[in-house]
Amino acid sequence: MLHCDISTGNILILPMVHVVDSERSTKEETSWVLWCGILGDWELAKKCPDAHEMSQSGRRLKQRAGTWYFMSVYAVNNPNTPISIADELESFFHVLLYLAIRYLRSTLRSRGPGIFIDAYFESWGRDGDGTLMCPIVKGNVVTYYGRLAFNRKPI
């Protein structure tokens, strides 16, 4: 099954603290956090298409479901094709990127994260037929084939 709506609201994560008593452990007390999660809201899920269904993808889909912020570039720019496993994986990448920008410290100035989120997740365009297209920044990030450069030493 393909979920078809990977988003921050559909990923549920629960931290569970585990404590080991000193009687069982060589240390006084050991504890750790185990993060458990599930992917919820499967109402829009679809069967994974086989090769025959993929070749028949020229038919127009009734409506593309999903959360705009996290839809794959290919799925947005090609609304006549069914969602694939690659689209689902790309959606997880967009969720991870969004949460990292929103909640992790960075060297961006105070308005920098908001400007990037607007350009990457919220903007849109139209092609010659008037079909919605994904944001240019998002398309560039996903299709960039250059080398990543880091200006800091590893932690």
C-alpha atoms as a PDB file:
ATOM      1  CA  MET A   1       0.000   0.000   0.000  1.00  0.00           C
ATOM      2  CA  LEU A   2       1.077   3.557  -0.699  1.00  0.00           C
ATOM      3  CA  HIS A   3       0.035   6.092   1.924  1.00  0.00           C
ATOM      4  CA  CYS A   4      -0.308   9.053  -0.515  1.00  0.00           C
ATOM      5  CA  ASP A   5      -0.338  11.704   2.238  1.00  0.00           C
ATOM      6  CA  ILE A   6       2.967  11.646   4.118  1.00  0.00           C
ATOM      7  CA  SER A   7       2.931  14.778   6.300  1.00  0.00           C
ATOM      8  CA  THR A   8       3.853  16.071   9.744  1.00  0.00           C
ATOM      9  CA  GLY A   9       0.296  15.558  10.945  1.00  0.00           C
ATOM     10  CA  ASN A  10       0.262  11.893   9.960  1.00  0.00           C
ATOM     11  CA  ILE A  11       3.505  10.848  11.645  1.00  0.00           C
ATOM     12  CA  LEU A  12       2.855  10.075  15.299  1.00  0.00           C
ATOM     13  CA  ILE A  13       5.891   9.672  17.567  1.00  0.00           C
ATOM     14  CA  LEU A  14       5.870   8.702  21.252  1.00  0.00           C
ATOM     15  CA  PRO A  15       9.013   8.910  23.425  1.00  0.00           C
ATOM     16  CA  MET A  16       9.182   6.070  25.959  1.00  0.00           C
ATOM     17  CA  VAL A  17      11.721   6.363  28.807  1.00  0.00           C
ATOM     18  CA  HIS A  18      13.229   3.041  29.902  1.00  0.00           C
ATOM     19  CA  VAL A  19      14.974   2.855  33.287  1.00  0.00           C
ATOM     20  CA  VAL A  20      17.146  -0.091  34.366  1.00  0.00           C
ATOM     21  CA  ASP A  21      17.418  -0.619  38.135  1.00  0.00           C
ATOM     22  CA  SER A  22      20.865  -0.630  39.730  1.00  0.00           C
ATOM     23  CA  GLU A  23      20.316  -4.262  40.840  1.00  0.00           C
ATOM     24  CA  ARG A  24      20.249  -5.390  37.211  1.00  0.00           C
ATOM     25  CA  SER A  25      22.918  -3.028  35.938  1.00  0.00           C
ATOM     26  CA  THR A  26      26.555  -2.518  36.837  1.00  0.00           C
ATOM     27  CA  LYS A  27      25.997   1.233  36.864  1.00  0.00           C
ATOM     28  CA  GLU A  28      23.824   2.932  39.480  1.00  0.00           C
ATOM     29  CA  GLU A  29      20.942   3.630  37.152  1.00  0.00           C
ATOM     30  CA  THR A  30      20.738   3.604  33.399  1.00  0.00           C
ATOM     31  CA  SER A  31      17.968   5.104  31.334  1.00  0.00           C
ATOM     32  CA  TRP A  32      17.340   5.737  27.675  1.00  0.00           C
ATOM     33  CA  VAL A  33      14.597   7.020  25.445  1.00  0.00           C
ATOM     34  CA  LEU A  34      13.030   4.735  22.870  1.00  0.00           C
ATOM     35  CA  TRP A  35      11.137   6.622  20.180  1.00  0.00           C
ATOM     36  CA  CYS A  36       8.180   4.666  18.824  1.00  0.00           C
ATOM     37  CA  GLY A  37       6.189   5.903  15.868  1.00  0.00           C
ATOM     38  CA  ILE A  38       3.435   5.043  13.452  1.00  0.00           C
ATOM     39  CA  LEU A  39       2.164   6.486  10.221  1.00  0.00           C
ATOM     40  CA  GLY A  40      -1.520   7.250  10.621  1.00  0.00           C
ATOM     41  CA  ASP A  41      -4.430   8.448   8.481  1.00  0.00           C
ATOM     42  CA  TRP A  42      -4.480   5.707   5.862  1.00  0.00           C
ATOM     43  CA  GLU A  43      -7.832   6.761   4.350  1.00  0.00           C
ATOM     44  CA  LEU A  44      -6.179   7.966   1.130  1.00  0.00           C
ATOM     45  CA  ALA A  45      -3.936   4.890   0.754  1.00  0.00           C
ATOM     46  CA  LYS A  46      -3.799   3.153  -2.600  1.00  0.00           C
ATOM     47  CA  LYS A  47      -2.532  -0.179  -3.838  1.00  0.00           C
ATOM     48  CA  CYS A  48       1.020  -0.027  -5.158  1.00  0.00           C
ATOM     49  CA  PRO A  49       0.703   0.001  -8.978  1.00  0.00           C
ATOM     50  CA  ASP A  50       2.258  -2.865 -10.927  1.00  0.00           C
ATOM     51  CA  ALA A  51       4.135  -2.485 -14.235  1.00  0.00           C
ATOM     52  CA  HIS A  52       0.936  -2.744 -16.321  1.00  0.00           C
ATOM     53  CA  GLU A  53      -0.798  -0.041 -14.304  1.00  0.00           C
ATOM     54  CA  MET A  54       2.250   2.213 -14.609  1.00  0.00           C
ATOM     55  CA  SER A  55       2.167   1.841 -18.411  1.00  0.00           C
ATOM     56  CA  GLN A  56      -1.518   2.822 -18.407  1.00  0.00           C
ATOM     57  CA  SER A  57      -0.762   6.012 -16.460  1.00  0.00           C
ATOM     58  CA  GLY A  58      -1.808   8.303 -19.329  1.00  0.00           C
ATOM     59  CA  ARG A  59      -5.329   8.394 -17.984  1.00  0.00           C
ATOM     60  CA  ARG A  60      -6.239  11.503 -16.020  1.00  0.00           C
ATOM     61  CA  LEU A  61      -6.440  11.019 -12.273  1.00  0.00           C
ATOM     62  CA  LYS A  62      -9.575  12.401 -10.660  1.00  0.00           C
ATOM     63  CA  GLN A  63      -7.669  14.412  -8.098  1.00  0.00           C
ATOM     64  CA  ARG A  64      -4.174  14.369  -6.626  1.00  0.00           C
ATOM     65  CA  ALA A  65      -4.485  13.840  -2.892  1.00  0.00           C
ATOM     66  CA  GLY A  66      -1.838  14.761  -0.362  1.00  0.00           C
ATOM     67  CA  THR A  67      -0.396  17.669   1.565  1.00  0.00           C
ATOM     68  CA  TRP A  68       1.085  20.287  -0.802  1.00  0.00           C
ATOM     69  CA  TYR A  69       4.138  20.982   1.392  1.00  0.00           C
ATOM     70  CA  PHE A  70       5.293  17.372   1.269  1.00  0.00           C
ATOM     71  CA  MET A  71       4.226  16.078  -2.150  1.00  0.00           C
ATOM     72  CA  SER A  72       7.068  14.929  -4.386  1.00  0.00           C
ATOM     73  CA  VAL A  73       8.214  17.144  -7.238  1.00  0.00           C
ATOM     74  CA  TYR A  74       7.373  14.439  -9.786  1.00  0.00           C
ATOM     75  CA  ALA A  75       3.883  13.839  -8.358  1.00  0.00           C
ATOM     76  CA  VAL A  76       3.033  17.551  -8.488  1.00  0.00           C
ATOM     77  CA  ASN A  77       4.494  18.150 -11.946  1.00  0.00           C
ATOM     78  CA  ASN A  78       2.982  14.959 -13.408  1.00  0.00           C
ATOM     79  CA  PRO A  79      -0.578  14.759 -12.083  1.00  0.00           C
ATOM     80  CA  ASN A  80      -1.519  12.022 -14.588  1.00  0.00           C
ATOM     81  CA  THR A  81       0.852   9.469 -13.078  1.00  0.00           C
ATOM     82  CA  PRO A  82       0.099   7.345 -10.019  1.00  0.00           C
ATOM     83  CA  ILE A  83       2.058   7.880  -6.816  1.00  0.00           C
ATOM     84  CA  SER A  84       5.106   5.591  -6.598  1.00  0.00           C
ATOM     85  CA  ILE A  85       7.349   4.372  -3.803  1.00  0.00           C
ATOM     86  CA  ALA A  86       9.925   6.984  -4.841  1.00  0.00           C
ATOM     87  CA  ASP A  87       7.296   9.718  -4.365  1.00  0.00           C
ATOM     88  CA  GLU A  88       6.532   8.411  -0.872  1.00  0.00           C
ATOM     89  CA  LEU A  89      10.227   8.387   0.060  1.00  0.00           C
ATOM     90  CA  GLU A  90      10.676  11.914  -1.263  1.00  0.00           C
ATOM     91  CA  SER A  91       7.719  13.020   0.867  1.00  0.00           C
ATOM     92  CA  PHE A  92       9.509  11.718   3.971  1.00  0.00           C
ATOM     93  CA  PHE A  93      12.540  13.790   2.935  1.00  0.00           C
ATOM     94  CA  HIS A  94      10.382  16.921   2.685  1.00  0.00           C
ATOM     95  CA  VAL A  95       8.889  16.238   6.140  1.00  0.00           C
ATOM     96  CA  LEU A  96      12.370  15.821   7.624  1.00  0.00           C
ATOM     97  CA  LEU A  97      13.630  18.998   5.943  1.00  0.00           C
ATOM     98  CA  TYR A  98      10.600  21.011   7.086  1.00  0.00           C
ATOM     99  CA  LEU A  99      10.930  19.890  10.708  1.00  0.00           C
ATOM    100  CA  ALA A 100      14.680  20.517  10.716  1.00  0.00           C
ATOM    101  CA  ILE A 101      14.221  24.060   9.417  1.00  0.00           C
ATOM    102  CA  ARG A 102      11.389  24.785  11.855  1.00  0.00           C
ATOM    103  CA  TYR A 103      12.874  23.347  15.039  1.00  0.00           C
ATOM    104  CA  LEU A 104      16.668  23.051  14.855  1.00  0.00           C
ATOM    105  CA  ARG A 105      19.079  25.879  15.520  1.00  0.00           C
ATOM    106  CA  SER A 106      20.851  27.277  12.503  1.00  0.00           C
ATOM    107  CA  THR A 107      22.990  30.187  11.404  1.00  0.00           C
ATOM    108  CA  LEU A 108      20.137  31.656   9.366  1.00  0.00           C
ATOM    109  CA  ARG A 109      19.014  35.111  10.401  1.00  0.00           C
ATOM    110  CA  SER A 110      15.700  35.379  12.233  1.00  0.00           C
ATOM    111  CA  ARG A 111      13.557  35.630   9.075  1.00  0.00           C
ATOM    112  CA  GLY A 112      15.679  33.203   7.037  1.00  0.00           C
ATOM    113  CA  PRO A 113      13.805  29.998   7.923  1.00  0.00           C
ATOM    114  CA  GLY A 114      10.438  31.607   7.166  1.00  0.00           C
ATOM    115  CA  ILE A 115      11.627  32.915   3.813  1.00  0.00           C
ATOM    116  CA  PHE A 116      12.971  29.472   2.877  1.00  0.00           C
ATOM    117  CA  ILE A 117       9.752  27.739   3.982  1.00  0.00           C
ATOM    118  CA  ASP A 118       7.712  30.165   1.861  1.00  0.00           C
ATOM    119  CA  ALA A 119       9.900  29.604  -1.206  1.00  0.00           C
ATOM    120  CA  TYR A 120      10.297  25.839  -0.794  1.00  0.00           C
ATOM    121  CA  PHE A 121       6.943  24.665   0.548  1.00  0.00           C
ATOM    122  CA  GLU A 122       4.275  27.324  -0.023  1.00  0.00           C
ATOM    123  CA  SER A 123       4.941  28.824  -3.439  1.00  0.00           C
ATOM    124  CA  TRP A 124       3.694  27.365  -6.712  1.00  0.00           C
ATOM    125  CA  GLY A 125       3.651  28.028 -10.410  1.00  0.00           C
ATOM    126  CA  ARG A 126       1.657  27.069 -13.498  1.00  0.00           C
ATOM    127  CA  ASP A 127       2.788  25.513 -16.739  1.00  0.00           C
ATOM    128  CA  GLY A 128       1.529  26.546 -20.196  1.00  0.00           C
ATOM    129  CA  ASP A 129      -1.690  24.534 -19.729  1.00  0.00           C
ATOM    130  CA  GLY A 130      -2.433  26.162 -16.383  1.00  0.00           C
ATOM    131  CA  THR A 131      -1.522  23.027 -14.413  1.00  0.00           C
ATOM    132  CA  LEU A 132      -0.088  23.655 -10.951  1.00  0.00           C
ATOM    133  CA  MET A 133       3.661  23.106 -10.744  1.00  0.00           C
ATOM    134  CA  CYS A 134       5.870  22.598  -7.722  1.00  0.00           C
ATOM    135  CA  PRO A 135       7.938  25.503  -6.362  1.00  0.00           C
ATOM    136  CA  ILE A 136      11.145  26.191  -8.301  1.00  0.00           C
ATOM    137  CA  VAL A 137      13.272  26.019  -5.142  1.00  0.00           C
ATOM    138  CA  LYS A 138      11.867  22.587  -4.269  1.00  0.00           C
ATOM    139  CA  GLY A 139      12.480  21.302  -7.785  1.00  0.00           C
ATOM    140  CA  ASN A 140      16.050  22.597  -7.732  1.00  0.00           C
ATOM    141  CA  VAL A 141      16.802  20.965  -4.380  1.00  0.00           C
ATOM    142  CA  VAL A 142      15.473  17.578  -5.483  1.00  0.00           C
ATOM    143  CA  THR A 143      17.106  17.571  -8.913  1.00  0.00           C
ATOM    144  CA  TYR A 144      20.451  19.134  -7.898  1.00  0.00           C
ATOM    145  CA  TYR A 145      23.243  16.749  -8.795  1.00  0.00           C
ATOM    146  CA  GLY A 146      26.254  18.687  -7.519  1.00  0.00           C
ATOM    147  CA  ARG A 147      28.377  17.998  -4.488  1.00  0.00           C
ATOM    148  CA  LEU A 148      27.314  19.134  -1.036  1.00  0.00           C
ATOM    149  CA  ALA A 149      29.904  21.320   0.674  1.00  0.00           C
ATOM    150  CA  PHE A 150      30.133  21.820   4.423  1.00  0.00           C
ATOM    151  CA  ASN A 151      31.969  24.747   5.956  1.00  0.00           C
ATOM    152  CA  ARG A 152      32.127  23.339   9.475  1.00  0.00           C
ATOM    153  CA  LYS A 153      33.993  20.491  11.099  1.00  0.00           C
ATOM    154  CA  PRO A 154      31.961  17.420  12.090  1.00  0.00           C
ATOM    155  CA  ILE A 155      30.559  17.401  15.605  1.00  0.00           C
END
